[in-house]
């Protein structure tokens, strides 16, 4: 259980981590005792979530508001894109054949360099730099390589399914087979947190990951991502 104040209000946010069969009963009890309670998103966690996955999934509106105070762009919630909107058919790549993380980051840099106007080598360097601070693999064969770039004008994302399982030092030691790559403008702190949380929540669902991995075409994968969980 976790209780945190909602900035700028007299309300508090209660976060409960419960076995799935107990969720409905808990919501009913809370509604009985606190009729004014507003229920936020229910997040399905893997059986044994890694600390990285758990930390990303904890991001909520109140924490985004706090982060936004340090955001020089002063972005509002409405200006923060959804990962589902960023992952257009052109930003979905299936069965990519690259032997290692270095090759992957170089390929990502070259792909985004032409699209964003940011130097491809700089993108690859920042991805490497972020990875050196701690693996962006979250477990269950999924990773979210990401970085912030000073000269990037708007957020960009890419879903990649690898034909060759990659070693990204995952907390559960499983190789990575699919990833969402996320690039965010350097000063967009709240946007960065919001998108990372959305990715973690979406890919937390094992059934969703299985459906996505079963997609045989970009069109199928895009429809699966848009539908979400």
C-alpha atoms as a PDB file:
ATOM      1  CA  UNK A   1       0.000   0.000   0.000  1.00  0.00           C
ATOM      2  CA  UNK A   2       1.204   3.520  -0.809  1.00  0.00           C
ATOM      3  CA  UNK A   3      -0.383   6.860   0.155  1.00  0.00           C
ATOM      4  CA  UNK A   4       0.751  10.154  -1.400  1.00  0.00           C
ATOM      5  CA  UNK A   5      -0.715  13.688  -1.424  1.00  0.00           C
ATOM      6  CA  UNK A   6      -2.032  15.045  -4.729  1.00  0.00           C
ATOM      7  CA  UNK A   7      -0.136  18.330  -5.266  1.00  0.00           C
ATOM      8  CA  UNK A   8      -2.306  21.447  -5.147  1.00  0.00           C
ATOM      9  CA  UNK A   9      -5.314  19.686  -3.589  1.00  0.00           C
ATOM     10  CA  UNK A  10      -6.483  18.356  -0.238  1.00  0.00           C
ATOM     11  CA  UNK A  11      -6.829  14.865  -1.670  1.00  0.00           C
ATOM     12  CA  UNK A  12      -4.525  11.859  -1.349  1.00  0.00           C
ATOM     13  CA  UNK A  13      -3.734   9.048  -3.752  1.00  0.00           C
ATOM     14  CA  UNK A  14      -3.954   5.475  -2.454  1.00  0.00           C
ATOM     15  CA  UNK A  15      -2.078   2.811  -4.422  1.00  0.00           C
ATOM     16  CA  UNK A  16      -2.779  -0.822  -3.605  1.00  0.00           C
ATOM     17  CA  UNK A  17      -0.898  -3.874  -4.877  1.00  0.00           C
ATOM     18  CA  UNK A  18      -3.288  -6.828  -4.711  1.00  0.00           C
ATOM     19  CA  UNK A  19      -3.754 -10.298  -6.193  1.00  0.00           C
ATOM     20  CA  UNK A  20      -6.117  -9.983  -9.153  1.00  0.00           C
ATOM     21  CA  UNK A  21      -9.061 -11.879  -7.497  1.00  0.00           C
ATOM     22  CA  UNK A  22      -9.103  -9.338  -4.647  1.00  0.00           C
ATOM     23  CA  UNK A  23      -9.255  -6.163  -6.745  1.00  0.00           C
ATOM     24  CA  UNK A  24     -13.039  -5.983  -7.235  1.00  0.00           C
ATOM     25  CA  UNK A  25     -13.726  -6.520  -3.521  1.00  0.00           C
ATOM     26  CA  UNK A  26     -11.190  -3.860  -2.541  1.00  0.00           C
ATOM     27  CA  UNK A  27     -12.763  -1.329  -4.908  1.00  0.00           C
ATOM     28  CA  UNK A  28     -16.182  -2.094  -3.448  1.00  0.00           C
ATOM     29  CA  UNK A  29     -14.967  -1.598   0.133  1.00  0.00           C
ATOM     30  CA  UNK A  30     -13.254   1.671  -0.727  1.00  0.00           C
ATOM     31  CA  UNK A  31     -16.433   2.898  -2.420  1.00  0.00           C
ATOM     32  CA  UNK A  32     -18.447   2.063   0.682  1.00  0.00           C
ATOM     33  CA  UNK A  33     -16.158   3.935   3.057  1.00  0.00           C
ATOM     34  CA  UNK A  34     -15.173   6.824   0.752  1.00  0.00           C
ATOM     35  CA  UNK A  35     -18.071   7.577  -1.648  1.00  0.00           C
ATOM     36  CA  UNK A  36     -16.134  10.473  -3.198  1.00  0.00           C
ATOM     37  CA  UNK A  37     -13.206   8.240  -4.179  1.00  0.00           C
ATOM     38  CA  UNK A  38     -12.226   8.296  -7.843  1.00  0.00           C
ATOM     39  CA  UNK A  39     -10.686   5.098  -9.206  1.00  0.00           C
ATOM     40  CA  UNK A  40      -7.728   5.542 -11.551  1.00  0.00           C
ATOM     41  CA  UNK A  41      -6.127   2.964 -13.834  1.00  0.00           C
ATOM     42  CA  UNK A  42      -5.759  -0.692 -12.863  1.00  0.00           C
ATOM     43  CA  UNK A  43      -2.307  -1.970 -13.833  1.00  0.00           C
ATOM     44  CA  UNK A  44      -1.754  -5.688 -14.404  1.00  0.00           C
ATOM     45  CA  UNK A  45       1.727  -6.562 -13.136  1.00  0.00           C
ATOM     46  CA  UNK A  46       3.678  -9.642 -14.280  1.00  0.00           C
ATOM     47  CA  UNK A  47       3.886 -12.520 -11.805  1.00  0.00           C
ATOM     48  CA  UNK A  48       7.348 -11.387 -10.726  1.00  0.00           C
ATOM     49  CA  UNK A  49       7.812  -7.792 -11.931  1.00  0.00           C
ATOM     50  CA  UNK A  50      11.305  -6.349 -11.939  1.00  0.00           C
ATOM     51  CA  UNK A  51      12.048  -3.253  -9.878  1.00  0.00           C
ATOM     52  CA  UNK A  52      12.492  -1.279 -13.100  1.00  0.00           C
ATOM     53  CA  UNK A  53       9.057  -2.282 -14.359  1.00  0.00           C
ATOM     54  CA  UNK A  54       7.437  -1.588 -10.995  1.00  0.00           C
ATOM     55  CA  UNK A  55       9.043   1.863 -10.766  1.00  0.00           C
ATOM     56  CA  UNK A  56       7.871   2.903 -14.224  1.00  0.00           C
ATOM     57  CA  UNK A  57       4.337   1.665 -13.633  1.00  0.00           C
ATOM     58  CA  UNK A  58       4.067   3.747 -10.442  1.00  0.00           C
ATOM     59  CA  UNK A  59       4.123   7.073 -12.323  1.00  0.00           C
ATOM     60  CA  UNK A  60       0.752   8.762 -11.947  1.00  0.00           C
ATOM     61  CA  UNK A  61      -0.764  12.143 -12.668  1.00  0.00           C
ATOM     62  CA  UNK A  62       0.342  13.637  -9.346  1.00  0.00           C
ATOM     63  CA  UNK A  63       3.954  12.641  -9.919  1.00  0.00           C
ATOM     64  CA  UNK A  64       3.769  13.996 -13.463  1.00  0.00           C
ATOM     65  CA  UNK A  65       2.532  17.320 -12.077  1.00  0.00           C
ATOM     66  CA  UNK A  66       5.483  17.459  -9.692  1.00  0.00           C
ATOM     67  CA  UNK A  67       7.910  16.678 -12.505  1.00  0.00           C
ATOM     68  CA  UNK A  68       6.301  19.330 -14.672  1.00  0.00           C
ATOM     69  CA  UNK A  69       7.504  22.032 -12.257  1.00  0.00           C
ATOM     70  CA  UNK A  70      11.023  21.327 -13.489  1.00  0.00           C
ATOM     71  CA  UNK A  71       9.977  21.141 -17.137  1.00  0.00           C
ATOM     72  CA  UNK A  72      11.257  24.219 -18.957  1.00  0.00           C
ATOM     73  CA  UNK A  73       8.766  23.616 -21.761  1.00  0.00           C
ATOM     74  CA  UNK A  74       5.855  23.813 -19.264  1.00  0.00           C
ATOM     75  CA  UNK A  75       4.023  21.099 -21.189  1.00  0.00           C
ATOM     76  CA  UNK A  76       0.405  20.418 -20.270  1.00  0.00           C
ATOM     77  CA  UNK A  77      -1.188  16.986 -20.104  1.00  0.00           C
ATOM     78  CA  UNK A  78      -2.966  17.676 -23.391  1.00  0.00           C
ATOM     79  CA  UNK A  79       0.352  18.346 -25.156  1.00  0.00           C
ATOM     80  CA  UNK A  80       1.844  15.026 -24.064  1.00  0.00           C
ATOM     81  CA  UNK A  81       1.364  12.478 -26.864  1.00  0.00           C
ATOM     82  CA  UNK A  82       0.241   8.909 -26.352  1.00  0.00           C
ATOM     83  CA  UNK A  83       2.623   6.105 -27.234  1.00  0.00           C
ATOM     84  CA  UNK A  84      -0.222   4.610 -29.290  1.00  0.00           C
ATOM     85  CA  UNK A  85      -0.245   7.721 -31.467  1.00  0.00           C
ATOM     86  CA  UNK A  86       3.529   7.811 -31.851  1.00  0.00           C
ATOM     87  CA  UNK A  87       3.690   4.173 -32.973  1.00  0.00           C
ATOM     88  CA  UNK A  88       2.278   4.664 -36.457  1.00  0.00           C
ATOM     89  CA  UNK A  89       2.650   1.894 -39.074  1.00  0.00           C
ATOM     90  CA  UNK A  90       5.825   3.612 -40.279  1.00  0.00           C
ATOM     91  CA  UNK A  91       7.251   3.297 -36.763  1.00  0.00           C
ATOM     92  CA  UNK A  92       6.790  -0.459 -36.463  1.00  0.00           C
ATOM     93  CA  UNK A  93       9.569  -2.817 -37.585  1.00  0.00           C
ATOM     94  CA  UNK A  94       9.149  -6.584 -37.436  1.00  0.00           C
ATOM     95  CA  UNK A  95      11.826  -9.279 -37.515  1.00  0.00           C
ATOM     96  CA  UNK A  96      14.817  -6.942 -37.521  1.00  0.00           C
ATOM     97  CA  UNK A  97      18.084  -8.887 -37.852  1.00  0.00           C
ATOM     98  CA  UNK A  98      20.850  -7.274 -35.789  1.00  0.00           C
ATOM     99  CA  UNK A  99      23.359  -9.264 -33.716  1.00  0.00           C
ATOM    100  CA  UNK A 100      23.846  -7.004 -30.682  1.00  0.00           C
ATOM    101  CA  UNK A 101      22.924  -3.865 -28.771  1.00  0.00           C
ATOM    102  CA  UNK A 102      25.645  -1.778 -30.440  1.00  0.00           C
ATOM    103  CA  UNK A 103      24.270  -2.624 -33.863  1.00  0.00           C
ATOM    104  CA  UNK A 104      20.746  -1.916 -32.632  1.00  0.00           C
ATOM    105  CA  UNK A 105      21.621   1.539 -31.287  1.00  0.00           C
ATOM    106  CA  UNK A 106      23.526   2.428 -34.451  1.00  0.00           C
ATOM    107  CA  UNK A 107      20.549   1.350 -36.581  1.00  0.00           C
ATOM    108  CA  UNK A 108      18.156   3.367 -34.403  1.00  0.00           C
ATOM    109  CA  UNK A 109      20.395   6.434 -34.746  1.00  0.00           C
ATOM    110  CA  UNK A 110      20.469   6.166 -38.517  1.00  0.00           C
ATOM    111  CA  UNK A 111      16.716   5.649 -38.751  1.00  0.00           C
ATOM    112  CA  UNK A 112      15.803   8.555 -36.482  1.00  0.00           C
ATOM    113  CA  UNK A 113      18.576  10.824 -37.722  1.00  0.00           C
ATOM    114  CA  UNK A 114      16.901  11.351 -41.086  1.00  0.00           C
ATOM    115  CA  UNK A 115      13.471  11.779 -39.523  1.00  0.00           C
ATOM    116  CA  UNK A 116      14.357  14.211 -36.747  1.00  0.00           C
ATOM    117  CA  UNK A 117      17.337  16.149 -38.051  1.00  0.00           C
ATOM    118  CA  UNK A 118      19.360  15.079 -34.997  1.00  0.00           C
ATOM    119  CA  UNK A 119      22.779  13.619 -35.733  1.00  0.00           C
ATOM    120  CA  UNK A 120      22.555   9.823 -35.968  1.00  0.00           C
ATOM    121  CA  UNK A 121      25.801   9.316 -34.038  1.00  0.00           C
ATOM    122  CA  UNK A 122      24.540  11.554 -31.238  1.00  0.00           C
ATOM    123  CA  UNK A 123      21.338   9.513 -30.929  1.00  0.00           C
ATOM    124  CA  UNK A 124      23.305   6.254 -30.744  1.00  0.00           C
ATOM    125  CA  UNK A 125      25.714   7.802 -28.215  1.00  0.00           C
ATOM    126  CA  UNK A 126      22.896   8.975 -25.927  1.00  0.00           C
ATOM    127  CA  UNK A 127      21.218   5.559 -26.083  1.00  0.00           C
ATOM    128  CA  UNK A 128      24.529   3.933 -25.132  1.00  0.00           C
ATOM    129  CA  UNK A 129      25.011   6.472 -22.353  1.00  0.00           C
ATOM    130  CA  UNK A 130      21.569   5.807 -20.911  1.00  0.00           C
ATOM    131  CA  UNK A 131      22.126   2.030 -21.118  1.00  0.00           C
ATOM    132  CA  UNK A 132      25.427   2.370 -19.258  1.00  0.00           C
ATOM    133  CA  UNK A 133      23.508   3.860 -16.304  1.00  0.00           C
ATOM    134  CA  UNK A 134      21.394   0.701 -16.027  1.00  0.00           C
ATOM    135  CA  UNK A 135      19.703  -1.715 -18.359  1.00  0.00           C
ATOM    136  CA  UNK A 136      16.506  -0.513 -20.021  1.00  0.00           C
ATOM    137  CA  UNK A 137      15.314  -4.116 -20.268  1.00  0.00           C
ATOM    138  CA  UNK A 138      12.293  -4.613 -18.018  1.00  0.00           C
ATOM    139  CA  UNK A 139      12.025  -8.391 -18.160  1.00  0.00           C
ATOM    140  CA  UNK A 140       9.808 -10.884 -19.988  1.00  0.00           C
ATOM    141  CA  UNK A 141      11.764 -10.307 -23.208  1.00  0.00           C
ATOM    142  CA  UNK A 142      10.901  -6.593 -23.400  1.00  0.00           C
ATOM    143  CA  UNK A 143      13.004  -3.420 -23.252  1.00  0.00           C
ATOM    144  CA  UNK A 144      12.443   0.308 -23.612  1.00  0.00           C
ATOM    145  CA  UNK A 145      15.701   1.953 -24.794  1.00  0.00           C
ATOM    146  CA  UNK A 146      15.243   5.680 -24.325  1.00  0.00           C
ATOM    147  CA  UNK A 147      17.042   8.986 -24.032  1.00  0.00           C
ATOM    148  CA  UNK A 148      16.479  12.734 -24.042  1.00  0.00           C
ATOM    149  CA  UNK A 149      18.038  14.842 -26.787  1.00  0.00           C
ATOM    150  CA  UNK A 150      18.572  18.601 -26.551  1.00  0.00           C
ATOM    151  CA  UNK A 151      18.039  19.279 -30.256  1.00  0.00           C
ATOM    152  CA  UNK A 152      14.975  17.072 -30.674  1.00  0.00           C
ATOM    153  CA  UNK A 153      11.808  19.086 -31.360  1.00  0.00           C
ATOM    154  CA  UNK A 154       9.154  16.471 -30.590  1.00  0.00           C
ATOM    155  CA  UNK A 155       8.908  12.989 -29.114  1.00  0.00           C
ATOM    156  CA  UNK A 156       9.517  10.015 -31.393  1.00  0.00           C
ATOM    157  CA  UNK A 157       9.010   6.298 -30.833  1.00  0.00           C
ATOM    158  CA  UNK A 158       9.544   2.987 -32.589  1.00  0.00           C
ATOM    159  CA  UNK A 159       8.370  -0.557 -31.916  1.00  0.00           C
ATOM    160  CA  UNK A 160      10.961  -3.160 -32.910  1.00  0.00           C
ATOM    161  CA  UNK A 161      10.618  -6.928 -32.914  1.00  0.00           C
ATOM    162  CA  UNK A 162      14.029  -8.550 -33.200  1.00  0.00           C
ATOM    163  CA  UNK A 163      14.562 -11.728 -35.205  1.00  0.00           C
ATOM    164  CA  UNK A 164      17.639 -12.350 -33.037  1.00  0.00           C
ATOM    165  CA  UNK A 165      17.155 -12.342 -29.267  1.00  0.00           C
ATOM    166  CA  UNK A 166      19.386  -9.632 -27.786  1.00  0.00           C
ATOM    167  CA  UNK A 167      21.288  -9.595 -24.509  1.00  0.00           C
ATOM    168  CA  UNK A 168      20.421  -6.312 -22.750  1.00  0.00           C
ATOM    169  CA  UNK A 169      21.185  -7.462 -19.182  1.00  0.00           C
ATOM    170  CA  UNK A 170      17.536  -8.014 -18.361  1.00  0.00           C
ATOM    171  CA  UNK A 171      16.723  -8.372 -14.641  1.00  0.00           C
ATOM    172  CA  UNK A 172      15.227 -11.831 -15.264  1.00  0.00           C
ATOM    173  CA  UNK A 173      18.169 -12.733 -17.577  1.00  0.00           C
ATOM    174  CA  UNK A 174      15.831 -13.420 -20.487  1.00  0.00           C
ATOM    175  CA  UNK A 175      16.993 -12.079 -23.881  1.00  0.00           C
ATOM    176  CA  UNK A 176      15.041  -9.215 -25.425  1.00  0.00           C
ATOM    177  CA  UNK A 177      12.841  -9.989 -28.423  1.00  0.00           C
ATOM    178  CA  UNK A 178      10.841  -6.776 -28.663  1.00  0.00           C
ATOM    179  CA  UNK A 179      11.330  -3.179 -27.619  1.00  0.00           C
ATOM    180  CA  UNK A 180       9.834   0.270 -27.730  1.00  0.00           C
ATOM    181  CA  UNK A 181      12.463   2.920 -28.486  1.00  0.00           C
ATOM    182  CA  UNK A 182      11.630   6.340 -27.067  1.00  0.00           C
ATOM    183  CA  UNK A 183      13.327   9.673 -27.861  1.00  0.00           C
ATOM    184  CA  UNK A 184      12.166  12.802 -26.021  1.00  0.00           C
ATOM    185  CA  UNK A 185      13.220  16.482 -26.179  1.00  0.00           C
ATOM    186  CA  UNK A 186      15.884  17.281 -23.604  1.00  0.00           C
ATOM    187  CA  UNK A 187      13.815  19.515 -21.338  1.00  0.00           C
ATOM    188  CA  UNK A 188      10.539  17.590 -21.541  1.00  0.00           C
ATOM    189  CA  UNK A 189      10.814  15.856 -18.152  1.00  0.00           C
ATOM    190  CA  UNK A 190       7.089  15.336 -17.619  1.00  0.00           C
ATOM    191  CA  UNK A 191       6.607  14.034 -21.159  1.00  0.00           C
ATOM    192  CA  UNK A 192       9.448  11.586 -20.639  1.00  0.00           C
ATOM    193  CA  UNK A 193       7.943  10.219 -17.413  1.00  0.00           C
ATOM    194  CA  UNK A 194       4.450  10.029 -18.864  1.00  0.00           C
ATOM    195  CA  UNK A 195       5.502   8.112 -21.981  1.00  0.00           C
ATOM    196  CA  UNK A 196       7.712   5.707 -20.028  1.00  0.00           C
ATOM    197  CA  UNK A 197       4.848   4.982 -17.635  1.00  0.00           C
ATOM    198  CA  UNK A 198       2.421   4.395 -20.494  1.00  0.00           C
ATOM    199  CA  UNK A 199       4.823   1.989 -22.205  1.00  0.00           C
ATOM    200  CA  UNK A 200       5.403   0.084 -18.953  1.00  0.00           C
ATOM    201  CA  UNK A 201       1.686  -0.209 -18.268  1.00  0.00           C
ATOM    202  CA  UNK A 202       0.815  -1.288 -21.805  1.00  0.00           C
ATOM    203  CA  UNK A 203       3.528  -3.932 -22.091  1.00  0.00           C
ATOM    204  CA  UNK A 204       3.026  -5.149 -18.534  1.00  0.00           C
ATOM    205  CA  UNK A 205       0.152  -7.272 -19.773  1.00  0.00           C
ATOM    206  CA  UNK A 206       1.458 -10.708 -20.773  1.00  0.00           C
ATOM    207  CA  UNK A 207      -1.629 -11.389 -22.918  1.00  0.00           C
ATOM    208  CA  UNK A 208      -1.036  -8.151 -24.844  1.00  0.00           C
ATOM    209  CA  UNK A 209       2.624  -9.013 -25.428  1.00  0.00           C
ATOM    210  CA  UNK A 210       1.642 -12.454 -26.707  1.00  0.00           C
ATOM    211  CA  UNK A 211      -0.945 -11.002 -29.102  1.00  0.00           C
ATOM    212  CA  UNK A 212       1.568  -8.482 -30.401  1.00  0.00           C
ATOM    213  CA  UNK A 213       4.273 -11.105 -30.906  1.00  0.00           C
ATOM    214  CA  UNK A 214       1.804 -13.253 -32.838  1.00  0.00           C
ATOM    215  CA  UNK A 215       1.151 -10.442 -35.358  1.00  0.00           C
ATOM    216  CA  UNK A 216       2.592 -11.328 -38.731  1.00  0.00           C
ATOM    217  CA  UNK A 217       2.311  -7.930 -40.431  1.00  0.00           C
ATOM    218  CA  UNK A 218       2.841  -4.263 -39.588  1.00  0.00           C
ATOM    219  CA  UNK A 219      -0.882  -3.637 -40.085  1.00  0.00           C
ATOM    220  CA  UNK A 220      -1.772  -6.338 -37.552  1.00  0.00           C
ATOM    221  CA  UNK A 221       0.794  -5.050 -35.057  1.00  0.00           C
ATOM    222  CA  UNK A 222      -0.447  -1.472 -35.432  1.00  0.00           C
ATOM    223  CA  UNK A 223      -4.050  -2.534 -34.844  1.00  0.00           C
ATOM    224  CA  UNK A 224      -2.965  -4.500 -31.761  1.00  0.00           C
ATOM    225  CA  UNK A 225      -1.084  -1.509 -30.291  1.00  0.00           C
ATOM    226  CA  UNK A 226      -3.969   0.884 -30.973  1.00  0.00           C
ATOM    227  CA  UNK A 227      -6.400  -1.487 -29.268  1.00  0.00           C
ATOM    228  CA  UNK A 228      -4.027  -1.825 -26.312  1.00  0.00           C
ATOM    229  CA  UNK A 229      -4.982  -4.081 -23.416  1.00  0.00           C
END
